[in-house]
Every structure is written in structure tokens, then in C-alpha cells.
Amino acid sequence: MATRVLLADDHRIIREGLRSLLQKQSDMEVAEEAEDGITAVRLAEKLHPDIVIMDIGMPDLNGIEATRQIISRAKGIKVIALSMHSDKRFVLEMLKAGASGYLLKDCAFEELINAIRTVRSGQIYLSNRVTGVVVDECLHHRPTSDVSAYNLLTAREREVLQLLAEGNSTKSIAVSLNVSTKTIETHRQQIMEKLDLHSVAELTKYAIKEGLTSLDP
């Protein structure tokens, strides 16, 4: 049976390129494409693909949060990160979210195919550069006071922070998350207090620095 793959990336040209290449594999098929994290989660729950190829920097819901939701809601789906980020925090947070693989976007297509087959068989796949990051963390990690968004904020607060940073209004965020505007206002106040930030501009800068959003066009 062919491995069914969901492609999640906000750049259409990358999705089309991956689809074209994957469709040439006799043991793989592309189930669907998603251009943002929210759509990726929805399609994963609906279609239940075997593998999700997940970009990290996507609008509305980034790849780390989307991975966390997919893993918790749709049992059995494996996620492989395909990202331009080799920074330790992105790699580690993606793995903590439940990803079974992590590759960089400059990898050869053959490596991606190998990763898909490896993860499909129940194993973990990390590209060489990413493996070094993980090994270094295991060997040299010392307990510190981590002040990153992934430790200070809840998953929902990170989601709200990303949407605020991307210019969404309180009302539109409330509609998107199916909660009241008062709830969003409370989240925003709590985020500002936890981060000691005092304006949406400061929140936006922080969200970009933490990789919650890139604000790419």
C-alpha cells in the first residue's frame, strides 16, 4: 500500500515541487496540500495520512504548534519537519512536539524519500546537521532558566501571540479560535505580563525572534 503524504508549506512552489517528485515514487502518493498550520491540522484529522511533511514557519499556526496538535489529535500520523531552520531551539521544540524526523530544505530529494521510508517503518530520521545539534544538546545540556516562549507560555497563548503578531484583530482571533473576545483579551494580558512586554509592536518583535512567525509575504 502506498504511503499517503500530506504536504504543509506556505510556499506554493515548494508544495508543487514536492508533489511532482513524490508522485514519481511508486510507493508514495500525495493526499493533499496545506498552506498554513490550521489547514494542516484540519486535513490531517480528516484524511489521516501516514506522513505529514511540515514546514515550521507558516501563517496562522506555525509548524511546531501544528505538529503538537496533529500528534495529540490524530493517532498514528508521523510528522517530518522540512525546514530552513537548523537552530537548536527549532529542532528540539519540533522533536518535543512529536515529530519523527527533521530535515533541512537544502537536502537532496533522495534524502527526503529515505526519511519518509525510515519514519514510515517506525524509526526516527534526522539529517546529519540536525543530528549534531541533538547530540550536542544531550552531551552538554545543563539545567538553566529557560525564558523562551515554549516554556513561558501555554500552547494556546503561543497560538494567540502568533495571530496577534500577524496583525489579526482580537475579534478575528476569537472567531478563528471559537472563543469570546474577552477570552482573547485575557490571553493577551497574560502574555504581556509573562513576557514583560507592553505593546503589540513589542509582542510582534518577540514572536519573530522566537520563530513563532516570520511575517513572510
C-alpha atoms as a PDB file:
ATOM      1  CA  MET A   1       0.000   0.000   0.000  1.00  0.00           C
ATOM      2  CA  ALA A   2       1.306   3.439  -0.950  1.00  0.00           C
ATOM      3  CA  THR A   3       2.424   5.838   1.786  1.00  0.00           C
ATOM      4  CA  ARG A   4      -0.009   8.764   1.844  1.00  0.00           C
ATOM      5  CA  VAL A   5       1.707  12.121   2.378  1.00  0.00           C
ATOM      6  CA  LEU A   6       0.260  15.490   3.375  1.00  0.00           C
ATOM      7  CA  LEU A   7       2.384  18.481   2.314  1.00  0.00           C
ATOM      8  CA  ALA A   8       2.263  21.511   4.647  1.00  0.00           C
ATOM      9  CA  ASP A   9       4.188  24.570   3.461  1.00  0.00           C
ATOM     10  CA  ASP A  10       3.120  28.160   2.882  1.00  0.00           C
ATOM     11  CA  HIS A  11       5.097  28.405  -0.364  1.00  0.00           C
ATOM     12  CA  ARG A  12       3.146  27.022  -3.300  1.00  0.00           C
ATOM     13  CA  ILE A  13       6.224  26.453  -5.436  1.00  0.00           C
ATOM     14  CA  ILE A  14       7.719  24.162  -2.786  1.00  0.00           C
ATOM     15  CA  ARG A  15       4.490  22.186  -2.435  1.00  0.00           C
ATOM     16  CA  GLU A  16       4.204  21.776  -6.194  1.00  0.00           C
ATOM     17  CA  GLY A  17       7.833  20.694  -6.478  1.00  0.00           C
ATOM     18  CA  LEU A  18       7.460  18.132  -3.709  1.00  0.00           C
ATOM     19  CA  ARG A  19       4.200  16.828  -5.165  1.00  0.00           C
ATOM     20  CA  SER A  20       5.765  16.368  -8.588  1.00  0.00           C
ATOM     21  CA  LEU A  21       8.729  14.472  -7.176  1.00  0.00           C
ATOM     22  CA  LEU A  22       6.747  12.337  -4.714  1.00  0.00           C
ATOM     23  CA  GLN A  23       4.255  11.279  -7.361  1.00  0.00           C
ATOM     24  CA  LYS A  24       7.120   9.673  -9.280  1.00  0.00           C
ATOM     25  CA  GLN A  25       7.621   7.235  -6.413  1.00  0.00           C
ATOM     26  CA  SER A  26       5.665   4.019  -6.909  1.00  0.00           C
ATOM     27  CA  ASP A  27       5.172   3.564  -3.162  1.00  0.00           C
ATOM     28  CA  MET A  28       4.005   7.112  -2.335  1.00  0.00           C
ATOM     29  CA  GLU A  29       1.073   9.392  -3.080  1.00  0.00           C
ATOM     30  CA  VAL A  30       0.228  12.964  -2.080  1.00  0.00           C
ATOM     31  CA  ALA A  31      -3.040  13.020  -0.130  1.00  0.00           C
ATOM     32  CA  GLU A  32      -3.426  16.802  -0.009  1.00  0.00           C
ATOM     33  CA  GLU A  33      -1.626  20.132   0.465  1.00  0.00           C
ATOM     34  CA  ALA A  34      -1.911  22.762   3.216  1.00  0.00           C
ATOM     35  CA  GLU A  35      -0.636  26.337   3.084  1.00  0.00           C
ATOM     36  CA  ASP A  36      -0.889  27.048   6.819  1.00  0.00           C
ATOM     37  CA  GLY A  37      -0.803  25.203  10.125  1.00  0.00           C
ATOM     38  CA  ILE A  38      -4.538  25.347  10.823  1.00  0.00           C
ATOM     39  CA  THR A  39      -5.321  23.758   7.459  1.00  0.00           C
ATOM     40  CA  ALA A  40      -2.635  21.126   8.053  1.00  0.00           C
ATOM     41  CA  VAL A  41      -4.254  20.106  11.344  1.00  0.00           C
ATOM     42  CA  ARG A  42      -7.724  20.005   9.804  1.00  0.00           C
ATOM     43  CA  LEU A  43      -6.625  17.923   6.811  1.00  0.00           C
ATOM     44  CA  ALA A  44      -4.609  15.564   8.984  1.00  0.00           C
ATOM     45  CA  GLU A  45      -7.667  14.868  11.130  1.00  0.00           C
ATOM     46  CA  LYS A  46      -9.892  14.480   8.071  1.00  0.00           C
ATOM     47  CA  LEU A  47      -7.636  12.430   5.792  1.00  0.00           C
ATOM     48  CA  HIS A  48      -5.389  10.680   8.317  1.00  0.00           C
ATOM     49  CA  PRO A  49      -2.299  10.487   6.065  1.00  0.00           C
ATOM     50  CA  ASP A  50       0.645   8.292   7.000  1.00  0.00           C
ATOM     51  CA  ILE A  51       3.166  11.155   6.894  1.00  0.00           C
ATOM     52  CA  VAL A  52       2.950  14.938   7.150  1.00  0.00           C
ATOM     53  CA  ILE A  53       5.845  16.912   5.664  1.00  0.00           C
ATOM     54  CA  MET A  54       5.754  20.020   7.845  1.00  0.00           C
ATOM     55  CA  ASP A  55       7.353  23.423   7.357  1.00  0.00           C
ATOM     56  CA  ILE A  56       7.920  25.387  10.570  1.00  0.00           C
ATOM     57  CA  GLY A  57       7.370  28.999   9.513  1.00  0.00           C
ATOM     58  CA  MET A  58       3.721  29.081   8.437  1.00  0.00           C
ATOM     59  CA  PRO A  59       0.984  31.695   8.990  1.00  0.00           C
ATOM     60  CA  ASP A  60      -1.906  31.406  11.476  1.00  0.00           C
ATOM     61  CA  LEU A  61      -0.379  28.374  13.224  1.00  0.00           C
ATOM     62  CA  ASN A  62       3.323  27.553  12.942  1.00  0.00           C
ATOM     63  CA  GLY A  63       4.618  24.067  12.230  1.00  0.00           C
ATOM     64  CA  ILE A  64       5.640  23.308  15.813  1.00  0.00           C
ATOM     65  CA  GLU A  65       2.175  24.019  17.208  1.00  0.00           C
ATOM     66  CA  ALA A  66       0.516  22.286  14.240  1.00  0.00           C
ATOM     67  CA  THR A  67       2.660  19.200  14.864  1.00  0.00           C
ATOM     68  CA  ARG A  68       1.734  19.190  18.539  1.00  0.00           C
ATOM     69  CA  GLN A  69      -1.967  19.308  17.678  1.00  0.00           C
ATOM     70  CA  ILE A  70      -1.746  16.638  14.974  1.00  0.00           C
ATOM     71  CA  ILE A  71       0.143  14.221  17.215  1.00  0.00           C
ATOM     72  CA  SER A  72      -2.331  14.703  20.070  1.00  0.00           C
ATOM     73  CA  ARG A  73      -5.497  14.531  17.968  1.00  0.00           C
ATOM     74  CA  ALA A  74      -4.722  12.050  15.188  1.00  0.00           C
ATOM     75  CA  LYS A  75      -3.009   8.939  16.478  1.00  0.00           C
ATOM     76  CA  GLY A  76      -0.627   7.104  14.185  1.00  0.00           C
ATOM     77  CA  ILE A  77       0.318  10.025  11.947  1.00  0.00           C
ATOM     78  CA  LYS A  78       4.044  10.710  11.648  1.00  0.00           C
ATOM     79  CA  VAL A  79       5.419  14.217  11.087  1.00  0.00           C
ATOM     80  CA  ILE A  80       8.674  15.063   9.336  1.00  0.00           C
ATOM     81  CA  ALA A  81       9.896  18.652   9.617  1.00  0.00           C
ATOM     82  CA  LEU A  82      11.312  20.102   6.405  1.00  0.00           C
ATOM     83  CA  SER A  83      12.674  23.492   7.381  1.00  0.00           C
ATOM     84  CA  MET A  84      15.335  26.060   6.609  1.00  0.00           C
ATOM     85  CA  HIS A  85      15.988  26.390  10.365  1.00  0.00           C
ATOM     86  CA  SER A  86      18.883  24.432  11.870  1.00  0.00           C
ATOM     87  CA  ASP A  87      18.842  26.448  15.106  1.00  0.00           C
ATOM     88  CA  LYS A  88      18.783  24.238  18.202  1.00  0.00           C
ATOM     89  CA  ARG A  89      15.535  25.602  19.617  1.00  0.00           C
ATOM     90  CA  PHE A  90      13.562  24.834  16.450  1.00  0.00           C
ATOM     91  CA  VAL A  91      14.950  21.314  16.161  1.00  0.00           C
ATOM     92  CA  LEU A  92      14.397  20.465  19.819  1.00  0.00           C
ATOM     93  CA  GLU A  93      10.930  22.010  20.052  1.00  0.00           C
ATOM     94  CA  MET A  94       9.847  20.204  16.891  1.00  0.00           C
ATOM     95  CA  LEU A  95      11.016  16.894  18.335  1.00  0.00           C
ATOM     96  CA  LYS A  96       9.351  17.681  21.665  1.00  0.00           C
ATOM     97  CA  ALA A  97       6.130  18.375  19.746  1.00  0.00           C
ATOM     98  CA  GLY A  98       6.282  14.803  18.454  1.00  0.00           C
ATOM     99  CA  ALA A  99       7.995  14.979  15.063  1.00  0.00           C
ATOM    100  CA  SER A 100       9.640  11.743  13.933  1.00  0.00           C
ATOM    101  CA  GLY A 101      12.065  13.405  11.533  1.00  0.00           C
ATOM    102  CA  TYR A 102      13.813  16.684  10.818  1.00  0.00           C
ATOM    103  CA  LEU A 103      15.471  17.670   7.552  1.00  0.00           C
ATOM    104  CA  LEU A 104      16.740  20.955   6.179  1.00  0.00           C
ATOM    105  CA  LYS A 105      15.329  22.365   2.968  1.00  0.00           C
ATOM    106  CA  ASP A 106      18.705  22.252   1.250  1.00  0.00           C
ATOM    107  CA  CYS A 107      18.779  18.438   1.490  1.00  0.00           C
ATOM    108  CA  ALA A 108      18.727  16.287  -1.624  1.00  0.00           C
ATOM    109  CA  PHE A 109      15.361  14.915  -2.673  1.00  0.00           C
ATOM    110  CA  GLU A 110      16.719  11.381  -2.256  1.00  0.00           C
ATOM    111  CA  GLU A 111      17.270  12.106   1.437  1.00  0.00           C
ATOM    112  CA  LEU A 112      13.644  13.151   1.865  1.00  0.00           C
ATOM    113  CA  ILE A 113      12.479   9.920   0.235  1.00  0.00           C
ATOM    114  CA  ASN A 114      14.768   7.968   2.548  1.00  0.00           C
ATOM    115  CA  ALA A 115      13.412   9.891   5.542  1.00  0.00           C
ATOM    116  CA  ILE A 116       9.810   9.144   4.602  1.00  0.00           C
ATOM    117  CA  ARG A 117      10.518   5.427   4.265  1.00  0.00           C
ATOM    118  CA  THR A 118      12.516   5.394   7.502  1.00  0.00           C
ATOM    119  CA  VAL A 119       9.819   7.169   9.513  1.00  0.00           C
ATOM    120  CA  ARG A 120       7.090   5.050   7.908  1.00  0.00           C
ATOM    121  CA  SER A 121       8.894   1.976   9.256  1.00  0.00           C
ATOM    122  CA  GLY A 122       8.674   3.367  12.780  1.00  0.00           C
ATOM    123  CA  GLN A 123      12.154   4.864  13.117  1.00  0.00           C
ATOM    124  CA  ILE A 124      13.431   8.406  13.686  1.00  0.00           C
ATOM    125  CA  TYR A 125      15.239  10.256  10.888  1.00  0.00           C
ATOM    126  CA  LEU A 126      17.471  13.294  11.407  1.00  0.00           C
ATOM    127  CA  SER A 127      19.698  14.877   8.787  1.00  0.00           C
ATOM    128  CA  ASN A 128      23.411  14.951   9.590  1.00  0.00           C
ATOM    129  CA  ARG A 129      23.483  18.623  10.593  1.00  0.00           C
ATOM    130  CA  VAL A 130      20.445  18.203  12.799  1.00  0.00           C
ATOM    131  CA  THR A 131      21.848  15.061  14.422  1.00  0.00           C
ATOM    132  CA  GLY A 132      24.844  17.113  15.555  1.00  0.00           C
ATOM    133  CA  VAL A 133      22.550  19.636  17.219  1.00  0.00           C
ATOM    134  CA  VAL A 134      20.646  16.929  19.111  1.00  0.00           C
ATOM    135  CA  VAL A 135      23.781  15.054  20.194  1.00  0.00           C
ATOM    136  CA  ASP A 136      25.403  18.279  21.370  1.00  0.00           C
ATOM    137  CA  GLU A 137      22.317  19.102  23.443  1.00  0.00           C
ATOM    138  CA  CYS A 138      22.338  15.654  25.036  1.00  0.00           C
ATOM    139  CA  LEU A 139      26.047  15.857  25.864  1.00  0.00           C
ATOM    140  CA  HIS A 140      26.290  19.431  27.060  1.00  0.00           C
ATOM    141  CA  HIS A 141      22.849  20.402  28.281  1.00  0.00           C
ATOM    142  CA  ARG A 142      22.827  21.895  31.754  1.00  0.00           C
ATOM    143  CA  PRO A 143      19.680  22.950  33.606  1.00  0.00           C
ATOM    144  CA  THR A 144      19.117  26.655  33.084  1.00  0.00           C
ATOM    145  CA  SER A 145      16.334  29.133  33.448  1.00  0.00           C
ATOM    146  CA  ASP A 146      14.756  28.883  30.000  1.00  0.00           C
ATOM    147  CA  VAL A 147      12.882  32.057  29.138  1.00  0.00           C
ATOM    148  CA  SER A 148      11.737  31.027  25.672  1.00  0.00           C
ATOM    149  CA  ALA A 149       8.133  31.283  24.552  1.00  0.00           C
ATOM    150  CA  TYR A 150       7.890  27.495  24.614  1.00  0.00           C
ATOM    151  CA  ASN A 151       8.485  27.431  28.356  1.00  0.00           C
ATOM    152  CA  LEU A 152       6.884  30.660  29.494  1.00  0.00           C
ATOM    153  CA  LEU A 153       3.638  30.419  27.517  1.00  0.00           C
ATOM    154  CA  THR A 154       0.960  27.779  27.138  1.00  0.00           C
ATOM    155  CA  ALA A 155       0.217  26.302  23.702  1.00  0.00           C
ATOM    156  CA  ARG A 156      -2.909  28.448  23.397  1.00  0.00           C
ATOM    157  CA  GLU A 157      -1.017  31.593  24.439  1.00  0.00           C
ATOM    158  CA  ARG A 158       1.610  30.900  21.759  1.00  0.00           C
ATOM    159  CA  GLU A 159      -1.177  30.478  19.227  1.00  0.00           C
ATOM    160  CA  VAL A 160      -2.752  33.797  20.243  1.00  0.00           C
ATOM    161  CA  LEU A 161       0.642  35.514  20.226  1.00  0.00           C
ATOM    162  CA  GLN A 162       1.326  34.378  16.669  1.00  0.00           C
ATOM    163  CA  LEU A 163      -2.068  35.580  15.462  1.00  0.00           C
ATOM    164  CA  LEU A 164      -1.617  38.945  17.203  1.00  0.00           C
ATOM    165  CA  ALA A 165       1.856  39.353  15.698  1.00  0.00           C
ATOM    166  CA  GLU A 166       0.466  38.642  12.241  1.00  0.00           C
ATOM    167  CA  GLY A 167      -1.898  41.602  12.569  1.00  0.00           C
ATOM    168  CA  ASN A 168      -5.167  39.851  13.370  1.00  0.00           C
ATOM    169  CA  SER A 169      -7.729  41.742  15.447  1.00  0.00           C
ATOM    170  CA  THR A 170      -8.999  40.483  18.782  1.00  0.00           C
ATOM    171  CA  LYS A 171     -12.385  39.793  17.194  1.00  0.00           C
ATOM    172  CA  SER A 172     -10.993  37.838  14.252  1.00  0.00           C
ATOM    173  CA  ILE A 173      -8.779  35.766  16.569  1.00  0.00           C
ATOM    174  CA  ALA A 174     -11.777  34.994  18.758  1.00  0.00           C
ATOM    175  CA  VAL A 175     -13.742  33.826  15.715  1.00  0.00           C
ATOM    176  CA  SER A 176     -10.804  31.765  14.444  1.00  0.00           C
ATOM    177  CA  LEU A 177     -10.331  30.015  17.795  1.00  0.00           C
ATOM    178  CA  ASN A 178     -14.076  29.817  18.526  1.00  0.00           C
ATOM    179  CA  VAL A 179     -13.861  31.676  21.836  1.00  0.00           C
ATOM    180  CA  SER A 180     -15.067  35.042  23.135  1.00  0.00           C
ATOM    181  CA  THR A 181     -13.235  38.319  22.565  1.00  0.00           C
ATOM    182  CA  LYS A 182     -12.926  38.610  26.352  1.00  0.00           C
ATOM    183  CA  THR A 183     -11.008  35.323  26.413  1.00  0.00           C
ATOM    184  CA  ILE A 184      -8.570  36.623  23.805  1.00  0.00           C
ATOM    185  CA  GLU A 185      -8.141  39.875  25.711  1.00  0.00           C
ATOM    186  CA  THR A 186      -7.348  37.848  28.837  1.00  0.00           C
ATOM    187  CA  HIS A 187      -4.802  35.769  26.932  1.00  0.00           C
ATOM    188  CA  ARG A 188      -3.176  38.914  25.560  1.00  0.00           C
ATOM    189  CA  GLN A 189      -2.923  40.445  29.035  1.00  0.00           C
ATOM    190  CA  GLN A 190      -1.421  37.251  30.451  1.00  0.00           C
ATOM    191  CA  ILE A 191       1.076  37.034  27.586  1.00  0.00           C
ATOM    192  CA  MET A 192       2.200  40.613  28.149  1.00  0.00           C
ATOM    193  CA  GLU A 193       2.573  40.034  31.891  1.00  0.00           C
ATOM    194  CA  LYS A 194       4.551  36.811  31.457  1.00  0.00           C
ATOM    195  CA  LEU A 195       6.882  38.362  28.860  1.00  0.00           C
ATOM    196  CA  ASP A 196       7.016  41.813  30.481  1.00  0.00           C
ATOM    197  CA  LEU A 197       6.045  43.406  27.171  1.00  0.00           C
ATOM    198  CA  HIS A 198       3.675  46.334  26.851  1.00  0.00           C
ATOM    199  CA  SER A 199       2.542  46.747  23.239  1.00  0.00           C
ATOM    200  CA  VAL A 200       1.576  44.733  20.171  1.00  0.00           C
ATOM    201  CA  ALA A 201       4.733  46.024  18.462  1.00  0.00           C
ATOM    202  CA  GLU A 202       6.872  44.514  21.224  1.00  0.00           C
ATOM    203  CA  LEU A 203       4.878  41.273  21.029  1.00  0.00           C
ATOM    204  CA  THR A 204       5.436  41.159  17.285  1.00  0.00           C
ATOM    205  CA  LYS A 205       9.196  41.581  17.613  1.00  0.00           C
ATOM    206  CA  TYR A 206       9.266  38.894  20.279  1.00  0.00           C
ATOM    207  CA  ALA A 207       7.215  36.452  18.168  1.00  0.00           C
ATOM    208  CA  ILE A 208       9.589  36.895  15.220  1.00  0.00           C
ATOM    209  CA  LYS A 209      12.649  36.455  17.434  1.00  0.00           C
ATOM    210  CA  GLU A 210      11.208  33.254  18.899  1.00  0.00           C
ATOM    211  CA  GLY A 211      10.322  31.885  15.471  1.00  0.00           C
ATOM    212  CA  LEU A 212       6.582  31.824  16.128  1.00  0.00           C
ATOM    213  CA  THR A 213       6.099  33.803  12.925  1.00  0.00           C
ATOM    214  CA  SER A 214       8.332  35.118  10.176  1.00  0.00           C
ATOM    215  CA  LEU A 215       5.806  37.536   8.654  1.00  0.00           C
ATOM    216  CA  ASP A 216       6.954  36.414   5.220  1.00  0.00           C
ATOM    217  CA  PRO A 217       4.732  37.678   2.427  1.00  0.00           C
END
